[in-house]
């Protein structure tokens, strides 16, 4: 009965092939979930950085302009009067002074720094996220995922 042994060997080969396929699919799913988590964490880090930059820029009015009388009187509105140039200068200074806030983020850039109403500092930052387990794949097709964050803070 040599036919029975050959049939069992073929059946075992099929089971091993099926098992290898299932393991490969499971590993790909784990890699994709881990990579998506890494991109999400980079985005959260960028939001934290945007919040810190906006909070710092909210009081970016230079003291010499304040003492020169350019601040509005305290009538229930903000004492500080922000300009787009003040917010941009403060945001760039903050990013240069705190590089640890952008650790692990590639190509960090300031994309928006403005004060729409003279009281609010609006800051937008952008960076590229490189997921660790599929970086070889994303680098081949554009070099990662662009993540962006915008934050606002009010002066006063």
Protein backbone atom coordinates (compact mmCIF):
# COMPACT_ATOMS: atom_id res chain seq x y z
CA UNK A 1 0.00 0.00 0.00
CA UNK A 2 2.47 2.57 -1.16
CA UNK A 3 -0.33 4.77 -2.55
CA UNK A 4 -1.58 5.64 0.96
CA UNK A 5 1.81 6.92 2.10
CA UNK A 6 2.22 9.15 -0.94
CA UNK A 7 -1.29 10.61 -0.43
CA UNK A 8 -0.52 11.39 3.20
CA UNK A 9 2.73 13.10 2.20
CA UNK A 10 0.90 15.25 -0.35
CA UNK A 11 -1.73 16.15 2.25
CA UNK A 12 0.97 17.14 4.76
CA UNK A 13 2.65 19.25 2.06
CA UNK A 14 -0.61 21.06 1.37
CA UNK A 15 -1.16 21.73 5.07
CA UNK A 16 2.37 23.09 5.44
CA UNK A 17 1.89 25.32 2.39
CA UNK A 18 -1.43 26.58 3.72
CA UNK A 19 0.13 27.22 7.14
CA UNK A 20 3.02 29.14 5.58
CA UNK A 21 0.54 31.25 3.59
CA UNK A 22 -1.55 32.04 6.66
CA UNK A 23 1.59 32.97 8.64
CA UNK A 24 2.77 35.25 5.81
CA UNK A 25 -0.59 37.03 5.66
CA UNK A 26 -0.66 37.40 9.45
CA UNK A 27 2.84 38.91 9.45
CA UNK A 28 1.84 41.38 6.73
CA UNK A 29 -1.20 42.42 8.76
CA UNK A 30 0.97 42.93 11.86
CA UNK A 31 3.44 45.01 9.83
CA UNK A 32 0.66 47.19 8.41
CA UNK A 33 -0.97 47.75 11.83
CA UNK A 34 2.41 48.63 13.38
CA UNK A 35 3.17 51.01 10.52
CA UNK A 36 -0.23 52.70 10.75
CA UNK A 37 0.32 53.11 14.49
CA UNK A 38 3.72 54.70 13.86
CA UNK A 39 2.20 57.22 11.42
CA UNK A 40 -0.56 57.99 13.94
CA UNK A 41 2.00 58.58 16.71
CA UNK A 42 4.00 60.88 14.43
CA UNK A 43 0.83 62.84 13.73
CA UNK A 44 0.10 63.14 17.45
CA UNK A 45 3.67 64.33 18.05
CA UNK A 46 3.21 66.95 15.34
CA UNK A 47 -0.05 68.14 16.96
CA UNK A 48 1.76 68.48 20.30
CA UNK A 49 4.49 70.50 18.62
CA UNK A 50 1.96 72.74 16.84
CA UNK A 51 0.20 73.38 20.16
CA UNK A 52 3.46 74.35 21.86
CA UNK A 53 4.50 76.63 18.99
CA UNK A 54 1.09 78.34 18.88
CA UNK A 55 1.05 78.86 22.66
CA UNK A 56 4.51 80.41 22.52
CA UNK A 57 3.57 82.60 19.55
CA UNK A 58 0.41 83.87 21.27
CA UNK A 59 2.50 86.30 23.30
CA UNK A 60 4.91 87.17 20.51
CA UNK A 61 4.43 90.93 20.56
CA UNK A 62 7.87 92.49 20.99
CA UNK A 63 8.23 94.42 24.27
CA UNK A 64 9.52 97.54 22.50
CA UNK A 65 6.28 97.76 20.49
CA UNK A 66 4.26 97.29 23.67
CA UNK A 67 6.07 100.12 25.44
CA UNK A 68 5.85 102.32 22.34
CA UNK A 69 2.09 102.40 22.88
CA UNK A 70 0.98 100.04 20.11
CA UNK A 71 -0.95 97.77 22.47
CA UNK A 72 -4.68 98.28 22.80
CA UNK A 73 -6.05 99.45 26.12
CA UNK A 74 -7.29 96.63 28.35
CA UNK A 75 -11.02 96.90 27.67
CA UNK A 76 -11.93 93.25 28.00
CA UNK A 77 -10.09 92.35 24.83
CA UNK A 78 -6.48 91.29 24.57
CA UNK A 79 -3.75 93.68 25.60
CA UNK A 80 -1.34 92.23 23.08
CA UNK A 81 -1.66 92.95 19.40
CA UNK A 82 -0.14 90.24 17.23
CA UNK A 83 0.95 90.55 13.62
CA UNK A 84 1.67 87.80 11.13
CA UNK A 85 5.36 88.72 11.26
CA UNK A 86 5.39 88.41 15.08
CA UNK A 87 3.82 84.96 14.95
CA UNK A 88 6.14 83.75 12.20
CA UNK A 89 9.27 85.04 13.96
CA UNK A 90 8.20 83.47 17.25
CA UNK A 91 7.32 80.14 15.61
CA UNK A 92 10.66 79.91 13.79
CA UNK A 93 12.53 80.87 16.97
CA UNK A 94 10.66 78.22 18.96
CA UNK A 95 11.33 75.49 16.41
CA UNK A 96 15.03 76.40 16.31
CA UNK A 97 15.31 76.48 20.12
CA UNK A 98 13.43 73.20 20.69
CA UNK A 99 14.63 70.61 18.15
CA UNK A 100 13.69 67.79 20.53
CA UNK A 101 10.02 68.48 19.78
CA UNK A 102 10.60 67.35 16.21
CA UNK A 103 12.74 64.32 17.03
CA UNK A 104 11.95 61.51 14.63
CA UNK A 105 10.02 63.75 12.23
CA UNK A 106 11.62 64.17 8.82
CA UNK A 107 11.41 67.38 6.82
CA UNK A 108 9.65 69.48 9.45
CA UNK A 109 8.49 72.78 7.98
CA UNK A 110 6.36 75.69 9.08
CA UNK A 111 3.53 76.03 6.56
CA UNK A 112 1.43 78.67 8.30
CA UNK A 113 2.14 81.37 10.86
CA UNK A 114 -0.46 84.10 11.06
CA UNK A 115 -2.67 86.16 13.29
CA UNK A 116 -6.09 86.47 11.67
CA UNK A 117 -7.53 88.85 14.27
CA UNK A 118 -4.56 90.32 16.12
CA UNK A 119 -5.28 88.17 19.17
CA UNK A 120 -4.94 84.63 17.87
CA UNK A 121 -1.72 82.93 16.80
CA UNK A 122 -2.39 80.29 14.14
CA UNK A 123 0.45 77.88 13.39
CA UNK A 124 0.60 75.05 10.88
CA UNK A 125 3.44 72.53 10.66
CA UNK A 126 4.09 69.65 8.31
CA UNK A 127 6.51 66.71 8.28
CA UNK A 128 7.07 63.35 6.64
CA UNK A 129 6.43 60.13 8.55
CA UNK A 130 8.40 57.01 7.68
CA UNK A 131 6.73 53.88 9.06
CA UNK A 132 9.48 51.59 10.37
CA UNK A 133 8.39 48.20 9.03
CA UNK A 134 7.42 49.29 5.53
CA UNK A 135 9.87 52.15 5.00
CA UNK A 136 11.52 50.25 2.14
CA UNK A 137 8.13 50.22 0.39
CA UNK A 138 7.15 53.84 1.08
CA UNK A 139 10.60 55.12 0.09
CA UNK A 140 10.22 53.40 -3.26
CA UNK A 141 6.89 55.18 -3.88
CA UNK A 142 7.41 58.74 -2.71
CA UNK A 143 9.31 58.62 0.54
CA UNK A 144 6.73 58.35 3.31
CA UNK A 145 3.47 59.93 4.39
CA UNK A 146 2.96 63.66 4.82
CA UNK A 147 1.41 64.53 8.18
CA UNK A 148 0.22 68.01 9.06
CA UNK A 149 -1.12 69.80 12.12
CA UNK A 150 -2.60 73.24 12.74
CA UNK A 151 -3.11 74.85 16.12
CA UNK A 152 -4.33 78.20 17.44
CA UNK A 153 -3.78 80.01 20.71
CA UNK A 154 -5.23 83.33 21.91
CA UNK A 155 -3.19 86.13 23.39
CA UNK A 156 -4.17 87.88 26.54
